[in-house]
Amino acid sequence: MSVEQETVNVDELRWFKSSYSGSDGGDCVEVAAGLDAVFVRDSKAADNDPVLRVGRGEWAAFLALTAE
């Protein structure tokens, strides 16, 4: 896995809240798909915390592991 700085305006991405997140403000994760990567953030602190950038191949591998 590599770490690199990227200039993507995450405010312009379309964010989706996890279906496992409750509506009571508990643990919430949001995901947005960019052209080359998938972005993940904590929806409770979307304006304050950093965003995790994951390559599409790595994201696909992660999803495959969660489906097992």
PDB file of N, CA and C in Angstrom:
ATOM      1  N   MET A   1       0.847  -1.170   0.000  1.00  0.00           N
ATOM      2  CA  MET A   1       0.000   0.000   0.000  1.00  0.00           C
ATOM      3  C   MET A   1       0.886   1.223   0.000  1.00  0.00           C
ATOM      4  N   SER A   2       0.519   2.221  -0.768  1.00  0.00           N
ATOM      5  CA  SER A   2       1.308   3.440  -0.805  1.00  0.00           C
ATOM      6  C   SER A   2       0.487   4.601  -0.279  1.00  0.00           C
ATOM      7  N   VAL A   3       1.209   5.585   0.224  1.00  0.00           N
ATOM      8  CA  VAL A   3       0.568   6.793   0.734  1.00  0.00           C
ATOM      9  C   VAL A   3       1.062   7.947  -0.111  1.00  0.00           C
ATOM     10  N   GLU A   4       0.146   8.722  -0.620  1.00  0.00           N
ATOM     11  CA  GLU A   4       0.531   9.868  -1.421  1.00  0.00           C
ATOM     12  C   GLU A   4      -0.456  10.989  -1.204  1.00  0.00           C
ATOM     13  N   GLN A   5       0.032  12.198  -1.365  1.00  0.00           N
ATOM     14  CA  GLN A   5      -0.840  13.344  -1.208  1.00  0.00           C
ATOM     15  C   GLN A   5      -1.583  13.576  -2.512  1.00  0.00           C
ATOM     16  N   GLU A   6      -2.837  13.892  -2.417  1.00  0.00           N
ATOM     17  CA  GLU A   6      -3.650  14.072  -3.606  1.00  0.00           C
ATOM     18  C   GLU A   6      -4.487  15.321  -3.443  1.00  0.00           C
ATOM     19  N   THR A   7      -4.648  16.059  -4.512  1.00  0.00           N
ATOM     20  CA  THR A   7      -5.454  17.279  -4.455  1.00  0.00           C
ATOM     21  C   THR A   7      -6.825  17.001  -5.057  1.00  0.00           C
ATOM     22  N   VAL A   8      -7.654  16.361  -4.274  1.00  0.00           N
ATOM     23  CA  VAL A   8      -9.037  16.078  -4.670  1.00  0.00           C
ATOM     24  C   VAL A   8      -9.924  16.875  -3.732  1.00  0.00           C
ATOM     25  N   ASN A   9     -10.863  17.593  -4.285  1.00  0.00           N
ATOM     26  CA  ASN A   9     -11.802  18.334  -3.460  1.00  0.00           C
ATOM     27  C   ASN A   9     -12.872  17.353  -2.994  1.00  0.00           C
ATOM     28  N   VAL A  10     -12.710  16.850  -1.772  1.00  0.00           N
ATOM     29  CA  VAL A  10     -13.629  15.836  -1.267  1.00  0.00           C
ATOM     30  C   VAL A  10     -15.036  16.383  -1.058  1.00  0.00           C
ATOM     31  N   ASP A  11     -15.170  17.703  -1.003  1.00  0.00           N
ATOM     32  CA  ASP A  11     -16.506  18.284  -0.868  1.00  0.00           C
ATOM     33  C   ASP A  11     -17.322  18.113  -2.147  1.00  0.00           C
ATOM     34  N   GLU A  12     -16.652  17.893  -3.278  1.00  0.00           N
ATOM     35  CA  GLU A  12     -17.352  17.724  -4.545  1.00  0.00           C
ATOM     36  C   GLU A  12     -17.740  16.270  -4.808  1.00  0.00           C
ATOM     37  N   LEU A  13     -17.281  15.354  -3.962  1.00  0.00           N
ATOM     38  CA  LEU A  13     -17.618  13.948  -4.121  1.00  0.00           C
ATOM     39  C   LEU A  13     -19.032  13.685  -3.610  1.00  0.00           C
ATOM     40  N   ARG A  14     -19.656  12.634  -4.115  1.00  0.00           N
ATOM     41  CA  ARG A  14     -20.986  12.243  -3.626  1.00  0.00           C
ATOM     42  C   ARG A  14     -20.789  11.167  -2.569  1.00  0.00           C
ATOM     43  N   TRP A  15     -21.080  11.500  -1.337  1.00  0.00           N
ATOM     44  CA  TRP A  15     -20.845  10.620  -0.189  1.00  0.00           C
ATOM     45  C   TRP A  15     -22.070   9.771   0.100  1.00  0.00           C
ATOM     46  N   PHE A  16     -21.816   8.513   0.457  1.00  0.00           N
ATOM     47  CA  PHE A  16     -22.876   7.576   0.825  1.00  0.00           C
ATOM     48  C   PHE A  16     -22.616   7.079   2.233  1.00  0.00           C
ATOM     49  N   LYS A  17     -23.634   7.126   3.059  1.00  0.00           N
ATOM     50  CA  LYS A  17     -23.518   6.644   4.435  1.00  0.00           C
ATOM     51  C   LYS A  17     -23.709   5.132   4.461  1.00  0.00           C
ATOM     52  N   SER A  18     -22.947   4.471   5.301  1.00  0.00           N
ATOM     53  CA  SER A  18     -23.040   3.024   5.422  1.00  0.00           C
ATOM     54  C   SER A  18     -24.447   2.606   5.828  1.00  0.00           C
ATOM     55  N   SER A  19     -24.922   1.520   5.244  1.00  0.00           N
ATOM     56  CA  SER A  19     -26.246   1.008   5.616  1.00  0.00           C
ATOM     57  C   SER A  19     -26.245   0.442   7.031  1.00  0.00           C
ATOM     58  N   TYR A  20     -25.064   0.200   7.589  1.00  0.00           N
ATOM     59  CA  TYR A  20     -24.961  -0.295   8.963  1.00  0.00           C
ATOM     60  C   TYR A  20     -24.937   0.838   9.974  1.00  0.00           C
ATOM     61  N   SER A  21     -24.860   2.078   9.518  1.00  0.00           N
ATOM     62  CA  SER A  21     -24.858   3.222  10.418  1.00  0.00           C
ATOM     63  C   SER A  21     -26.279   3.500  10.869  1.00  0.00           C
ATOM     64  N   GLY A  22     -26.412   3.771  12.131  1.00  0.00           N
ATOM     65  CA  GLY A  22     -27.730   4.074  12.671  1.00  0.00           C
ATOM     66  C   GLY A  22     -28.086   5.530  12.486  1.00  0.00           C
ATOM     67  N   SER A  23     -29.312   5.872  12.739  1.00  0.00           N
ATOM     68  CA  SER A  23     -29.755   7.259  12.614  1.00  0.00           C
ATOM     69  C   SER A  23     -29.624   8.022  13.923  1.00  0.00           C
ATOM     70  N   ASP A  24     -29.103   7.365  14.964  1.00  0.00           N
ATOM     71  CA  ASP A  24     -29.004   8.000  16.276  1.00  0.00           C
ATOM     72  C   ASP A  24     -27.659   8.689  16.505  1.00  0.00           C
ATOM     73  N   GLY A  25     -26.829   8.819  15.460  1.00  0.00           N
ATOM     74  CA  GLY A  25     -25.562   9.528  15.595  1.00  0.00           C
ATOM     75  C   GLY A  25     -24.436   8.685  16.137  1.00  0.00           C
ATOM     76  N   GLY A  26     -24.547   7.380  16.076  1.00  0.00           N
ATOM     77  CA  GLY A  26     -23.493   6.500  16.560  1.00  0.00           C
ATOM     78  C   GLY A  26     -22.329   6.421  15.596  1.00  0.00           C
ATOM     79  N   ASP A  27     -21.721   5.262  15.506  1.00  0.00           N
ATOM     80  CA  ASP A  27     -20.589   5.065  14.602  1.00  0.00           C
ATOM     81  C   ASP A  27     -21.071   5.121  13.158  1.00  0.00           C
ATOM     82  N   CYS A  28     -20.537   6.070  12.402  1.00  0.00           N
ATOM     83  CA  CYS A  28     -20.982   6.261  11.032  1.00  0.00           C
ATOM     84  C   CYS A  28     -19.790   6.360  10.090  1.00  0.00           C
ATOM     85  N   VAL A  29     -19.901   5.688   8.970  1.00  0.00           N
ATOM     86  CA  VAL A  29     -18.864   5.721   7.948  1.00  0.00           C
ATOM     87  C   VAL A  29     -19.510   6.148   6.646  1.00  0.00           C
ATOM     88  N   GLU A  30     -18.826   7.043   5.912  1.00  0.00           N
ATOM     89  CA  GLU A  30     -19.284   7.458   4.595  1.00  0.00           C
ATOM     90  C   GLU A  30     -18.221   7.095   3.570  1.00  0.00           C
ATOM     91  N   VAL A  31     -18.676   6.764   2.369  1.00  0.00           N
ATOM     92  CA  VAL A  31     -17.792   6.364   1.283  1.00  0.00           C
ATOM     93  C   VAL A  31     -18.164   7.155   0.041  1.00  0.00           C
ATOM     94  N   ALA A  32     -17.143   7.553  -0.731  1.00  0.00           N
ATOM     95  CA  ALA A  32     -17.358   8.224  -2.013  1.00  0.00           C
ATOM     96  C   ALA A  32     -16.401   7.633  -3.031  1.00  0.00           C
ATOM     97  N   ALA A  33     -16.875   7.441  -4.246  1.00  0.00           N
ATOM     98  CA  ALA A  33     -16.038   6.885  -5.307  1.00  0.00           C
ATOM     99  C   ALA A  33     -15.529   8.005  -6.193  1.00  0.00           C
ATOM    100  N   GLY A  34     -14.205   8.071  -6.351  1.00  0.00           N
ATOM    101  CA  GLY A  34     -13.583   9.002  -7.277  1.00  0.00           C
ATOM    102  C   GLY A  34     -13.180   8.247  -8.535  1.00  0.00           C
ATOM    103  N   LEU A  35     -12.497   8.920  -9.432  1.00  0.00           N
ATOM    104  CA  LEU A  35     -12.085   8.273 -10.683  1.00  0.00           C
ATOM    105  C   LEU A  35     -11.090   7.155 -10.450  1.00  0.00           C
ATOM    106  N   ASP A  36     -10.087   7.390  -9.614  1.00  0.00           N
ATOM    107  CA  ASP A  36      -9.023   6.412  -9.395  1.00  0.00           C
ATOM    108  C   ASP A  36      -9.018   5.805  -8.004  1.00  0.00           C
ATOM    109  N   ALA A  37      -9.908   6.266  -7.135  1.00  0.00           N
ATOM    110  CA  ALA A  37      -9.847   5.829  -5.747  1.00  0.00           C
ATOM    111  C   ALA A  37     -11.215   5.880  -5.101  1.00  0.00           C
ATOM    112  N   VAL A  38     -11.288   5.249  -3.948  1.00  0.00           N
ATOM    113  CA  VAL A  38     -12.472   5.306  -3.090  1.00  0.00           C
ATOM    114  C   VAL A  38     -12.051   6.046  -1.834  1.00  0.00           C
ATOM    115  N   PHE A  39     -12.912   6.918  -1.340  1.00  0.00           N
ATOM    116  CA  PHE A  39     -12.606   7.739  -0.181  1.00  0.00           C
ATOM    117  C   PHE A  39     -13.525   7.348   0.961  1.00  0.00           C
ATOM    118  N   VAL A  40     -12.975   7.312   2.170  1.00  0.00           N
ATOM    119  CA  VAL A  40     -13.720   6.906   3.360  1.00  0.00           C
ATOM    120  C   VAL A  40     -13.514   7.976   4.428  1.00  0.00           C
ATOM    121  N   ARG A  41     -14.583   8.325   5.144  1.00  0.00           N
ATOM    122  CA  ARG A  41     -14.474   9.305   6.229  1.00  0.00           C
ATOM    123  C   ARG A  41     -15.474   8.985   7.329  1.00  0.00           C
ATOM    124  N   ASP A  42     -15.244   9.576   8.475  1.00  0.00           N
ATOM    125  CA  ASP A  42     -16.151   9.491   9.617  1.00  0.00           C
ATOM    126  C   ASP A  42     -17.213  10.565   9.429  1.00  0.00           C
ATOM    127  N   SER A  43     -18.458  10.178   9.269  1.00  0.00           N
ATOM    128  CA  SER A  43     -19.505  11.159   8.979  1.00  0.00           C
ATOM    129  C   SER A  43     -19.792  12.100  10.140  1.00  0.00           C
ATOM    130  N   LYS A  44     -19.450  11.691  11.355  1.00  0.00           N
ATOM    131  CA  LYS A  44     -19.686  12.562  12.507  1.00  0.00           C
ATOM    132  C   LYS A  44     -18.726  13.739  12.519  1.00  0.00           C
ATOM    133  N   ALA A  45     -17.593  13.599  11.871  1.00  0.00           N
ATOM    134  CA  ALA A  45     -16.580  14.656  11.867  1.00  0.00           C
ATOM    135  C   ALA A  45     -16.109  14.910  10.438  1.00  0.00           C
ATOM    136  N   ALA A  46     -17.036  14.949   9.508  1.00  0.00           N
ATOM    137  CA  ALA A  46     -16.697  15.048   8.084  1.00  0.00           C
ATOM    138  C   ALA A  46     -15.917  16.323   7.757  1.00  0.00           C
ATOM    139  N   ASP A  47     -16.149  17.390   8.493  1.00  0.00           N
ATOM    140  CA  ASP A  47     -15.466  18.656   8.205  1.00  0.00           C
ATOM    141  C   ASP A  47     -14.119  18.771   8.898  1.00  0.00           C
ATOM    142  N   ASN A  48     -13.844  17.909   9.882  1.00  0.00           N
ATOM    143  CA  ASN A  48     -12.654  18.074  10.700  1.00  0.00           C
ATOM    144  C   ASN A  48     -11.586  17.009  10.500  1.00  0.00           C
ATOM    145  N   ASP A  49     -11.989  15.801  10.257  1.00  0.00           N
ATOM    146  CA  ASP A  49     -11.037  14.695  10.201  1.00  0.00           C
ATOM    147  C   ASP A  49     -10.533  14.461   8.787  1.00  0.00           C
ATOM    148  N   PRO A  50      -9.383  13.828   8.672  1.00  0.00           N
ATOM    149  CA  PRO A  50      -8.862  13.510   7.339  1.00  0.00           C
ATOM    150  C   PRO A  50      -9.707  12.436   6.657  1.00  0.00           C
ATOM    151  N   VAL A  51      -9.514  12.338   5.383  1.00  0.00           N
ATOM    152  CA  VAL A  51     -10.212  11.359   4.547  1.00  0.00           C
ATOM    153  C   VAL A  51      -9.213  10.292   4.143  1.00  0.00           C
ATOM    154  N   LEU A  52      -9.619   9.050   4.236  1.00  0.00           N
ATOM    155  CA  LEU A  52      -8.784   7.927   3.824  1.00  0.00           C
ATOM    156  C   LEU A  52      -8.999   7.676   2.336  1.00  0.00           C
ATOM    157  N   ARG A  53      -7.907   7.632   1.570  1.00  0.00           N
ATOM    158  CA  ARG A  53      -7.966   7.359   0.129  1.00  0.00           C
ATOM    159  C   ARG A  53      -7.469   5.941  -0.107  1.00  0.00           C
ATOM    160  N   VAL A  54      -8.286   5.135  -0.789  1.00  0.00           N
ATOM    161  CA  VAL A  54      -7.946   3.741  -1.056  1.00  0.00           C
ATOM    162  C   VAL A  54      -8.047   3.515  -2.561  1.00  0.00           C
ATOM    163  N   GLY A  55      -7.040   2.897  -3.143  1.00  0.00           N
ATOM    164  CA  GLY A  55      -7.083   2.581  -4.563  1.00  0.00           C
ATOM    165  C   GLY A  55      -8.243   1.641  -4.863  1.00  0.00           C
ATOM    166  N   ARG A  56      -8.748   1.685  -6.082  1.00  0.00           N
ATOM    167  CA  ARG A  56      -9.912   0.860  -6.438  1.00  0.00           C
ATOM    168  C   ARG A  56      -9.615  -0.631  -6.318  1.00  0.00           C
ATOM    169  N   GLY A  57      -8.417  -1.047  -6.665  1.00  0.00           N
ATOM    170  CA  GLY A  57      -8.053  -2.462  -6.528  1.00  0.00           C
ATOM    171  C   GLY A  57      -8.026  -2.907  -5.081  1.00  0.00           C
ATOM    172  N   GLU A  58      -7.468  -2.061  -4.228  1.00  0.00           N
ATOM    173  CA  GLU A  58      -7.424  -2.376  -2.802  1.00  0.00           C
ATOM    174  C   GLU A  58      -8.828  -2.392  -2.202  1.00  0.00           C
ATOM    175  N   TRP A  59      -9.681  -1.468  -2.666  1.00  0.00           N
ATOM    176  CA  TRP A  59     -11.063  -1.423  -2.175  1.00  0.00           C
ATOM    177  C   TRP A  59     -11.814  -2.696  -2.577  1.00  0.00           C
ATOM    178  N   ALA A  60     -11.619  -3.141  -3.813  1.00  0.00           N
ATOM    179  CA  ALA A  60     -12.264  -4.365  -4.280  1.00  0.00           C
ATOM    180  C   ALA A  60     -11.795  -5.567  -3.455  1.00  0.00           C
ATOM    181  N   ALA A  61     -10.508  -5.611  -3.128  1.00  0.00           N
ATOM    182  CA  ALA A  61      -9.985  -6.698  -2.312  1.00  0.00           C
ATOM    183  C   ALA A  61     -10.582  -6.647  -0.902  1.00  0.00           C
ATOM    184  N   PHE A  62     -10.719  -5.452  -0.350  1.00  0.00           N
ATOM    185  CA  PHE A  62     -11.332  -5.280   0.974  1.00  0.00           C
ATOM    186  C   PHE A  62     -12.773  -5.790   0.957  1.00  0.00           C
ATOM    187  N   LEU A  63     -13.547  -5.389  -0.044  1.00  0.00           N
ATOM    188  CA  LEU A  63     -14.941  -5.825  -0.134  1.00  0.00           C
ATOM    189  C   LEU A  63     -15.042  -7.334  -0.297  1.00  0.00           C
ATOM    190  N   ALA A  64     -14.136  -7.924  -1.064  1.00  0.00           N
ATOM    191  CA  ALA A  64     -14.140  -9.371  -1.243  1.00  0.00           C
ATOM    192  C   ALA A  64     -13.897 -10.088   0.094  1.00  0.00           C
ATOM    193  N   LEU A  65     -13.021  -9.540   0.905  1.00  0.00           N
ATOM    194  CA  LEU A  65     -12.744 -10.140   2.207  1.00  0.00           C
ATOM    195  C   LEU A  65     -13.910 -10.001   3.175  1.00  0.00           C
ATOM    196  N   THR A  66     -14.642  -8.907   3.075  1.00  0.00           N
ATOM    197  CA  THR A  66     -15.774  -8.699   3.987  1.00  0.00           C
ATOM    198  C   THR A  66     -16.962  -9.565   3.614  1.00  0.00           C
ATOM    199  N   ALA A  67     -17.015 -10.023   2.375  1.00  0.00           N
ATOM    200  CA  ALA A  67     -18.147 -10.836   1.912  1.00  0.00           C
ATOM    201  C   ALA A  67     -17.972 -12.320   2.298  1.00  0.00           C
ATOM    202  N   GLU A  68     -16.779 -12.684   2.762  1.00  0.00           N
ATOM    203  CA  GLU A  68     -16.543 -14.092   3.091  1.00  0.00           C
ATOM    204  C   GLU A  68     -17.189 -14.472   4.403  1.00  0.00           C
TER     205      GLU A  68
END
